[in-house]
Amino acid sequence: MGAHQQVKIVGTNGQVSLGREYSGKMVLIDQINETTWVIKSGEFIPDAEKWLHQGDNMAKLERALDWADKNDPIDNFDQLTKEIGNG
């Protein structure tokens, strides 16, 4: 994939169009200095979901979901309330 340069004009609203093929895509805009920006397309992790990608949390979640798929829920509400009440 070769380098491709284009000259764009910033509109009066401060926007630059990248083209319809990028419509709806997420981009990271890194401002290097006052006159230089680097735009990268990709998928980015929201702050609220970063914990999933730390350590082995994703593997733990996958194991828990796999266990839940293989094990039916049990009705243990009465037992739990007794244990909590005696604690």
PDB file of N, CA and C in Angstrom:
ATOM      1  N   MET A   1       0.837  -1.161   0.000  1.00  0.00           N
ATOM      2  CA  MET A   1       0.000   0.000   0.000  1.00  0.00           C
ATOM      3  C   MET A   1       0.890   1.235   0.000  1.00  0.00           C
ATOM      4  N   GLY A   2       0.847   1.989  -1.041  1.00  0.00           N
ATOM      5  CA  GLY A   2       1.702   3.158  -1.170  1.00  0.00           C
ATOM      6  C   GLY A   2       1.107   4.385  -0.509  1.00  0.00           C
ATOM      7  N   ALA A   3       1.974   5.360  -0.317  1.00  0.00           N
ATOM      8  CA  ALA A   3       1.522   6.619   0.271  1.00  0.00           C
ATOM      9  C   ALA A   3       0.654   7.358  -0.730  1.00  0.00           C
ATOM     10  N   HIS A   4      -0.343   8.041  -0.212  1.00  0.00           N
ATOM     11  CA  HIS A   4      -1.269   8.791  -1.057  1.00  0.00           C
ATOM     12  C   HIS A   4      -1.529  10.125  -0.380  1.00  0.00           C
ATOM     13  N   GLN A   5      -1.219  11.192  -1.074  1.00  0.00           N
ATOM     14  CA  GLN A   5      -1.431  12.521  -0.505  1.00  0.00           C
ATOM     15  C   GLN A   5      -2.546  13.229  -1.240  1.00  0.00           C
ATOM     16  N   GLN A   6      -3.313  13.993  -0.492  1.00  0.00           N
ATOM     17  CA  GLN A   6      -4.371  14.811  -1.062  1.00  0.00           C
ATOM     18  C   GLN A   6      -4.338  16.169  -0.380  1.00  0.00           C
ATOM     19  N   VAL A   7      -4.719  17.173  -1.121  1.00  0.00           N
ATOM     20  CA  VAL A   7      -4.881  18.503  -0.537  1.00  0.00           C
ATOM     21  C   VAL A   7      -6.367  18.693  -0.292  1.00  0.00           C
ATOM     22  N   LYS A   8      -6.724  19.028   0.944  1.00  0.00           N
ATOM     23  CA  LYS A   8      -8.117  19.267   1.323  1.00  0.00           C
ATOM     24  C   LYS A   8      -8.213  20.666   1.892  1.00  0.00           C
ATOM     25  N   ILE A   9      -9.376  21.245   1.811  1.00  0.00           N
ATOM     26  CA  ILE A   9      -9.618  22.564   2.400  1.00  0.00           C
ATOM     27  C   ILE A   9     -10.519  22.378   3.607  1.00  0.00           C
ATOM     28  N   VAL A  10     -10.114  22.973   4.725  1.00  0.00           N
ATOM     29  CA  VAL A  10     -10.931  22.927   5.927  1.00  0.00           C
ATOM     30  C   VAL A  10     -12.105  23.870   5.712  1.00  0.00           C
ATOM     31  N   GLY A  11     -13.318  23.336   5.880  1.00  0.00           N
ATOM     32  CA  GLY A  11     -14.521  24.138   5.676  1.00  0.00           C
ATOM     33  C   GLY A  11     -14.697  25.185   6.766  1.00  0.00           C
ATOM     34  N   THR A  12     -15.660  26.068   6.547  1.00  0.00           N
ATOM     35  CA  THR A  12     -15.922  27.136   7.513  1.00  0.00           C
ATOM     36  C   THR A  12     -16.369  26.584   8.859  1.00  0.00           C
ATOM     37  N   ASN A  13     -16.856  25.336   8.869  1.00  0.00           N
ATOM     38  CA  ASN A  13     -17.274  24.696  10.125  1.00  0.00           C
ATOM     39  C   ASN A  13     -16.114  23.953  10.794  1.00  0.00           C
ATOM     40  N   GLY A  14     -14.915  24.024  10.215  1.00  0.00           N
ATOM     41  CA  GLY A  14     -13.743  23.382  10.800  1.00  0.00           C
ATOM     42  C   GLY A  14     -13.596  21.918  10.451  1.00  0.00           C
ATOM     43  N   GLN A  15     -14.369  21.421   9.498  1.00  0.00           N
ATOM     44  CA  GLN A  15     -14.337  20.000   9.153  1.00  0.00           C
ATOM     45  C   GLN A  15     -13.581  19.742   7.858  1.00  0.00           C
ATOM     46  N   VAL A  16     -13.011  18.522   7.793  1.00  0.00           N
ATOM     47  CA  VAL A  16     -12.354  18.029   6.587  1.00  0.00           C
ATOM     48  C   VAL A  16     -13.016  16.705   6.239  1.00  0.00           C
ATOM     49  N   SER A  17     -13.404  16.523   4.991  1.00  0.00           N
ATOM     50  CA  SER A  17     -14.032  15.277   4.566  1.00  0.00           C
ATOM     51  C   SER A  17     -12.963  14.287   4.108  1.00  0.00           C
ATOM     52  N   LEU A  18     -13.052  13.060   4.618  1.00  0.00           N
ATOM     53  CA  LEU A  18     -12.122  12.011   4.193  1.00  0.00           C
ATOM     54  C   LEU A  18     -12.680  11.196   3.032  1.00  0.00           C
ATOM     55  N   GLY A  19     -13.976  11.340   2.750  1.00  0.00           N
ATOM     56  CA  GLY A  19     -14.615  10.596   1.664  1.00  0.00           C
ATOM     57  C   GLY A  19     -15.658   9.630   2.204  1.00  0.00           C
ATOM     58  N   ARG A  20     -16.614   9.300   1.353  1.00  0.00           N
ATOM     59  CA  ARG A  20     -17.729   8.440   1.750  1.00  0.00           C
ATOM     60  C   ARG A  20     -17.283   7.054   2.212  1.00  0.00           C
ATOM     61  N   GLU A  21     -16.184   6.561   1.691  1.00  0.00           N
ATOM     62  CA  GLU A  21     -15.737   5.216   2.068  1.00  0.00           C
ATOM     63  C   GLU A  21     -15.364   5.123   3.549  1.00  0.00           C
ATOM     64  N   TYR A  22     -15.180   6.263   4.190  1.00  0.00           N
ATOM     65  CA  TYR A  22     -14.850   6.284   5.614  1.00  0.00           C
ATOM     66  C   TYR A  22     -16.043   6.652   6.486  1.00  0.00           C
ATOM     67  N   SER A  23     -17.199   6.833   5.883  1.00  0.00           N
ATOM     68  CA  SER A  23     -18.399   7.219   6.615  1.00  0.00           C
ATOM     69  C   SER A  23     -18.714   6.179   7.697  1.00  0.00           C
ATOM     70  N   GLY A  24     -18.898   6.643   8.919  1.00  0.00           N
ATOM     71  CA  GLY A  24     -19.227   5.750  10.038  1.00  0.00           C
ATOM     72  C   GLY A  24     -18.047   5.049  10.660  1.00  0.00           C
ATOM     73  N   LYS A  25     -16.861   5.187  10.097  1.00  0.00           N
ATOM     74  CA  LYS A  25     -15.667   4.537  10.651  1.00  0.00           C
ATOM     75  C   LYS A  25     -15.092   5.383  11.788  1.00  0.00           C
ATOM     76  N   MET A  26     -14.457   4.726  12.719  1.00  0.00           N
ATOM     77  CA  MET A  26     -13.823   5.423  13.822  1.00  0.00           C
ATOM     78  C   MET A  26     -12.381   5.729  13.445  1.00  0.00           C
ATOM     79  N   VAL A  27     -11.935   6.940  13.771  1.00  0.00           N
ATOM     80  CA  VAL A  27     -10.560   7.334  13.503  1.00  0.00           C
ATOM     81  C   VAL A  27      -9.943   7.944  14.749  1.00  0.00           C
ATOM     82  N   LEU A  28      -8.652   7.789  14.861  1.00  0.00           N
ATOM     83  CA  LEU A  28      -7.872   8.429  15.912  1.00  0.00           C
ATOM     84  C   LEU A  28      -7.128   9.582  15.261  1.00  0.00           C
ATOM     85  N   ILE A  29      -7.270  10.767  15.826  1.00  0.00           N
ATOM     86  CA  ILE A  29      -6.568  11.937  15.300  1.00  0.00           C
ATOM     87  C   ILE A  29      -5.520  12.340  16.324  1.00  0.00           C
ATOM     88  N   ASP A  30      -4.274  12.240  15.921  1.00  0.00           N
ATOM     89  CA  ASP A  30      -3.145  12.554  16.803  1.00  0.00           C
ATOM     90  C   ASP A  30      -2.537  13.869  16.322  1.00  0.00           C
ATOM     91  N   GLN A  31      -2.644  14.902  17.151  1.00  0.00           N
ATOM     92  CA  GLN A  31      -2.068  16.181  16.772  1.00  0.00           C
ATOM     93  C   GLN A  31      -0.621  16.208  17.227  1.00  0.00           C
ATOM     94  N   ILE A  32       0.293  16.172  16.281  1.00  0.00           N
ATOM     95  CA  ILE A  32       1.724  16.142  16.548  1.00  0.00           C
ATOM     96  C   ILE A  32       2.220  17.502  17.012  1.00  0.00           C
ATOM     97  N   ASN A  33       1.773  18.529  16.308  1.00  0.00           N
ATOM     98  CA  ASN A  33       2.082  19.909  16.699  1.00  0.00           C
ATOM     99  C   ASN A  33       0.974  20.796  16.151  1.00  0.00           C
ATOM    100  N   GLU A  34       1.166  22.093  16.167  1.00  0.00           N
ATOM    101  CA  GLU A  34       0.111  23.023  15.772  1.00  0.00           C
ATOM    102  C   GLU A  34      -0.334  22.859  14.316  1.00  0.00           C
ATOM    103  N   THR A  35       0.534  22.332  13.466  1.00  0.00           N
ATOM    104  CA  THR A  35       0.197  22.230  12.040  1.00  0.00           C
ATOM    105  C   THR A  35       0.214  20.814  11.493  1.00  0.00           C
ATOM    106  N   THR A  36       0.401  19.805  12.350  1.00  0.00           N
ATOM    107  CA  THR A  36       0.528  18.434  11.853  1.00  0.00           C
ATOM    108  C   THR A  36      -0.391  17.484  12.627  1.00  0.00           C
ATOM    109  N   TRP A  37      -1.225  16.752  11.877  1.00  0.00           N
ATOM    110  CA  TRP A  37      -2.103  15.743  12.456  1.00  0.00           C
ATOM    111  C   TRP A  37      -1.862  14.424  11.735  1.00  0.00           C
ATOM    112  N   VAL A  38      -1.973  13.338  12.473  1.00  0.00           N
ATOM    113  CA  VAL A  38      -1.911  11.996  11.889  1.00  0.00           C
ATOM    114  C   VAL A  38      -3.269  11.357  12.156  1.00  0.00           C
ATOM    115  N   ILE A  39      -3.919  10.861  11.109  1.00  0.00           N
ATOM    116  CA  ILE A  39      -5.238  10.243  11.235  1.00  0.00           C
ATOM    117  C   ILE A  39      -5.084   8.750  10.976  1.00  0.00           C
ATOM    118  N   LYS A  40      -5.543   7.944  11.934  1.00  0.00           N
ATOM    119  CA  LYS A  40      -5.466   6.488  11.804  1.00  0.00           C
ATOM    120  C   LYS A  40      -6.857   5.902  11.978  1.00  0.00           C
ATOM    121  N   SER A  41      -7.247   5.014  11.057  1.00  0.00           N
ATOM    122  CA  SER A  41      -8.535   4.338  11.217  1.00  0.00           C
ATOM    123  C   SER A  41      -8.319   3.072  12.048  1.00  0.00           C
ATOM    124  N   GLY A  42      -9.363   2.663  12.729  1.00  0.00           N
ATOM    125  CA  GLY A  42      -9.254   1.452  13.539  1.00  0.00           C
ATOM    126  C   GLY A  42     -10.398   1.341  14.508  1.00  0.00           C
ATOM    127  N   GLU A  43     -10.307   0.338  15.358  1.00  0.00           N
ATOM    128  CA  GLU A  43     -11.287   0.142  16.417  1.00  0.00           C
ATOM    129  C   GLU A  43     -10.607   0.498  17.726  1.00  0.00           C
ATOM    130  N   PHE A  44     -11.297   1.271  18.538  1.00  0.00           N
ATOM    131  CA  PHE A  44     -10.712   1.750  19.771  1.00  0.00           C
ATOM    132  C   PHE A  44     -11.560   1.310  20.948  1.00  0.00           C
ATOM    133  N   ILE A  45     -10.921   1.106  22.067  1.00  0.00           N
ATOM    134  CA  ILE A  45     -11.597   0.586  23.241  1.00  0.00           C
ATOM    135  C   ILE A  45     -12.076   1.740  24.114  1.00  0.00           C
ATOM    136  N   PRO A  46     -13.373   1.810  24.373  1.00  0.00           N
ATOM    137  CA  PRO A  46     -13.875   2.850  25.272  1.00  0.00           C
ATOM    138  C   PRO A  46     -13.276   2.692  26.671  1.00  0.00           C
ATOM    139  N   ASP A  47     -13.111   3.793  27.391  1.00  0.00           N
ATOM    140  CA  ASP A  47     -12.533   3.754  28.732  1.00  0.00           C
ATOM    141  C   ASP A  47     -13.249   2.760  29.637  1.00  0.00           C
ATOM    142  N   ALA A  48     -14.574   2.701  29.546  1.00  0.00           N
ATOM    143  CA  ALA A  48     -15.352   1.831  30.424  1.00  0.00           C
ATOM    144  C   ALA A  48     -15.116   0.341  30.138  1.00  0.00           C
ATOM    145  N   GLU A  49     -14.492  -0.001  29.001  1.00  0.00           N
ATOM    146  CA  GLU A  49     -14.267  -1.397  28.648  1.00  0.00           C
ATOM    147  C   GLU A  49     -12.798  -1.804  28.705  1.00  0.00           C
ATOM    148  N   LYS A  50     -11.922  -0.892  29.083  1.00  0.00           N
ATOM    149  CA  LYS A  50     -10.495  -1.201  29.115  1.00  0.00           C
ATOM    150  C   LYS A  50     -10.161  -2.316  30.092  1.00  0.00           C
ATOM    151  N   TRP A  51     -10.924  -2.435  31.181  1.00  0.00           N
ATOM    152  CA  TRP A  51     -10.653  -3.467  32.182  1.00  0.00           C
ATOM    153  C   TRP A  51     -10.714  -4.857  31.567  1.00  0.00           C
ATOM    154  N   LEU A  52     -11.527  -5.025  30.527  1.00  0.00           N
ATOM    155  CA  LEU A  52     -11.635  -6.338  29.880  1.00  0.00           C
ATOM    156  C   LEU A  52     -10.321  -6.777  29.248  1.00  0.00           C
ATOM    157  N   HIS A  53      -9.524  -5.819  28.824  1.00  0.00           N
ATOM    158  CA  HIS A  53      -8.301  -6.109  28.083  1.00  0.00           C
ATOM    159  C   HIS A  53      -7.051  -6.039  28.956  1.00  0.00           C
ATOM    160  N   GLN A  54      -7.236  -5.931  30.272  1.00  0.00           N
ATOM    161  CA  GLN A  54      -6.108  -5.885  31.192  1.00  0.00           C
ATOM    162  C   GLN A  54      -5.892  -7.275  31.780  1.00  0.00           C
ATOM    163  N   GLY A  55      -4.638  -7.667  31.855  1.00  0.00           N
ATOM    164  CA  GLY A  55      -4.311  -8.977  32.433  1.00  0.00           C
ATOM    165  C   GLY A  55      -5.028 -10.092  31.694  1.00  0.00           C
ATOM    166  N   ASP A  56      -5.551 -11.050  32.443  1.00  0.00           N
ATOM    167  CA  ASP A  56      -6.263 -12.172  31.824  1.00  0.00           C
ATOM    168  C   ASP A  56      -7.770 -12.059  32.039  1.00  0.00           C
ATOM    169  N   ASN A  57      -8.283 -10.831  32.177  1.00  0.00           N
ATOM    170  CA  ASN A  57      -9.719 -10.632  32.406  1.00  0.00           C
ATOM    171  C   ASN A  57     -10.571 -11.179  31.273  1.00  0.00           C
ATOM    172  N   MET A  58     -10.130 -11.021  30.036  1.00  0.00           N
ATOM    173  CA  MET A  58     -10.907 -11.528  28.905  1.00  0.00           C
ATOM    174  C   MET A  58     -10.999 -13.051  28.965  1.00  0.00           C
ATOM    175  N   ALA A  59      -9.913 -13.721  29.305  1.00  0.00           N
ATOM    176  CA  ALA A  59      -9.916 -15.181  29.422  1.00  0.00           C
ATOM    177  C   ALA A  59     -10.843 -15.627  30.557  1.00  0.00           C
ATOM    178  N   LYS A  60     -10.812 -14.890  31.680  1.00  0.00           N
ATOM    179  CA  LYS A  60     -11.704 -15.216  32.808  1.00  0.00           C
ATOM    180  C   LYS A  60     -13.164 -15.077  32.397  1.00  0.00           C
ATOM    181  N   LEU A  61     -13.462 -14.020  31.675  1.00  0.00           N
ATOM    182  CA  LEU A  61     -14.829 -13.804  31.227  1.00  0.00           C
ATOM    183  C   LEU A  61     -15.262 -14.908  30.265  1.00  0.00           C
ATOM    184  N   GLU A  62     -14.387 -15.285  29.355  1.00  0.00           N
ATOM    185  CA  GLU A  62     -14.702 -16.367  28.410  1.00  0.00           C
ATOM    186  C   GLU A  62     -14.976 -17.679  29.155  1.00  0.00           C
ATOM    187  N   ARG A  63     -14.155 -17.990  30.186  1.00  0.00           N
ATOM    188  CA  ARG A  63     -14.376 -19.204  30.980  1.00  0.00           C
ATOM    189  C   ARG A  63     -15.711 -19.142  31.722  1.00  0.00           C
ATOM    190  N   ALA A  64     -16.040 -17.971  32.272  1.00  0.00           N
ATOM    191  CA  ALA A  64     -17.302 -17.824  33.000  1.00  0.00           C
ATOM    192  C   ALA A  64     -18.496 -17.996  32.058  1.00  0.00           C
ATOM    193  N   LEU A  65     -18.417 -17.407  30.865  1.00  0.00           N
ATOM    194  CA  LEU A  65     -19.502 -17.556  29.899  1.00  0.00           C
ATOM    195  C   LEU A  65     -19.637 -18.994  29.425  1.00  0.00           C
ATOM    196  N   ASP A  66     -18.496 -19.667  29.234  1.00  0.00           N
ATOM    197  CA  ASP A  66     -18.518 -21.073  28.835  1.00  0.00           C
ATOM    198  C   ASP A  66     -19.164 -21.921  29.932  1.00  0.00           C
ATOM    199  N   TRP A  67     -18.808 -21.666  31.202  1.00  0.00           N
ATOM    200  CA  TRP A  67     -19.395 -22.397  32.330  1.00  0.00           C
ATOM    201  C   TRP A  67     -20.901 -22.152  32.380  1.00  0.00           C
ATOM    202  N   ALA A  68     -21.336 -20.897  32.200  1.00  0.00           N
ATOM    203  CA  ALA A  68     -22.755 -20.563  32.251  1.00  0.00           C
ATOM    204  C   ALA A  68     -23.531 -21.258  31.135  1.00  0.00           C
ATOM    205  N   ASP A  69     -22.900 -21.430  29.967  1.00  0.00           N
ATOM    206  CA  ASP A  69     -23.552 -22.144  28.861  1.00  0.00           C
ATOM    207  C   ASP A  69     -23.768 -23.613  29.190  1.00  0.00           C
ATOM    208  N   LYS A  70     -22.859 -24.197  29.969  1.00  0.00           N
ATOM    209  CA  LYS A  70     -22.894 -25.638  30.245  1.00  0.00           C
ATOM    210  C   LYS A  70     -23.625 -25.998  31.539  1.00  0.00           C
ATOM    211  N   ASN A  71     -23.964 -24.999  32.346  1.00  0.00           N
ATOM    212  CA  ASN A  71     -24.594 -25.256  33.639  1.00  0.00           C
ATOM    213  C   ASN A  71     -25.909 -24.504  33.743  1.00  0.00           C
ATOM    214  N   ASP A  72     -26.970 -25.262  34.048  1.00  0.00           N
ATOM    215  CA  ASP A  72     -28.283 -24.645  34.216  1.00  0.00           C
ATOM    216  C   ASP A  72     -28.340 -23.900  35.540  1.00  0.00           C
ATOM    217  N   PRO A  73     -29.095 -22.808  35.569  1.00  0.00           N
ATOM    218  CA  PRO A  73     -29.245 -22.083  36.835  1.00  0.00           C
ATOM    219  C   PRO A  73     -30.011 -22.935  37.844  1.00  0.00           C
ATOM    220  N   ILE A  74     -29.755 -22.711  39.123  1.00  0.00           N
ATOM    221  CA  ILE A  74     -30.477 -23.431  40.170  1.00  0.00           C
ATOM    222  C   ILE A  74     -31.217 -22.415  41.033  1.00  0.00           C
ATOM    223  N   ASP A  75     -32.329 -22.875  41.602  1.00  0.00           N
ATOM    224  CA  ASP A  75     -33.115 -22.012  42.477  1.00  0.00           C
ATOM    225  C   ASP A  75     -32.583 -22.164  43.899  1.00  0.00           C
ATOM    226  N   ASN A  76     -31.718 -21.253  44.281  1.00  0.00           N
ATOM    227  CA  ASN A  76     -31.132 -21.327  45.626  1.00  0.00           C
ATOM    228  C   ASN A  76     -31.379 -20.040  46.408  1.00  0.00           C
ATOM    229  N   PHE A  77     -32.419 -19.301  46.032  1.00  0.00           N
ATOM    230  CA  PHE A  77     -32.708 -18.035  46.680  1.00  0.00           C
ATOM    231  C   PHE A  77     -32.975 -18.231  48.174  1.00  0.00           C
ATOM    232  N   ASP A  78     -33.806 -19.210  48.524  1.00  0.00           N
ATOM    233  CA  ASP A  78     -34.137 -19.439  49.938  1.00  0.00           C
ATOM    234  C   ASP A  78     -32.883 -19.796  50.730  1.00  0.00           C
ATOM    235  N   GLN A  79     -32.037 -20.638  50.176  1.00  0.00           N
ATOM    236  CA  GLN A  79     -30.801 -21.039  50.850  1.00  0.00           C
ATOM    237  C   GLN A  79     -29.889 -19.834  51.060  1.00  0.00           C
ATOM    238  N   LEU A  80     -29.745 -19.005  50.055  1.00  0.00           N
ATOM    239  CA  LEU A  80     -28.885 -17.831  50.170  1.00  0.00           C
ATOM    240  C   LEU A  80     -29.400 -16.839  51.205  1.00  0.00           C
ATOM    241  N   THR A  81     -30.719 -16.611  51.221  1.00  0.00           N
ATOM    242  CA  THR A  81     -31.267 -15.667  52.194  1.00  0.00           C
ATOM    243  C   THR A  81     -31.093 -16.191  53.611  1.00  0.00           C
ATOM    244  N   LYS A  82     -31.173 -17.494  53.811  1.00  0.00           N
ATOM    245  CA  LYS A  82     -30.916 -18.064  55.153  1.00  0.00           C
ATOM    246  C   LYS A  82     -29.464 -17.853  55.566  1.00  0.00           C
ATOM    247  N   GLU A  83     -28.556 -18.095  54.616  1.00  0.00           N
ATOM    248  CA  GLU A  83     -27.118 -17.933  54.918  1.00  0.00           C
ATOM    249  C   GLU A  83     -26.781 -16.473  55.211  1.00  0.00           C
ATOM    250  N   ILE A  84     -27.354 -15.570  54.460  1.00  0.00           N
ATOM    251  CA  ILE A  84     -27.099 -14.140  54.692  1.00  0.00           C
ATOM    252  C   ILE A  84     -27.699 -13.718  56.021  1.00  0.00           C
ATOM    253  N   GLY A  85     -28.899 -14.214  56.323  1.00  0.00           N
ATOM    254  CA  GLY A  85     -29.566 -13.861  57.574  1.00  0.00           C
ATOM    255  C   GLY A  85     -28.841 -14.374  58.804  1.00  0.00           C
ATOM    256  N   ASN A  86     -28.104 -15.515  58.658  1.00  0.00           N
ATOM    257  CA  ASN A  86     -27.373 -16.096  59.796  1.00  0.00           C
ATOM    258  C   ASN A  86     -25.950 -15.549  59.897  1.00  0.00           C
ATOM    259  N   GLY A  87     -25.533 -14.771  58.903  1.00  0.00           N
ATOM    260  CA  GLY A  87     -24.152 -14.278  58.866  1.00  0.00           C
ATOM    261  C   GLY A  87     -23.969 -13.178  59.775  1.00  0.00           C
TER     262      GLY A  87
END
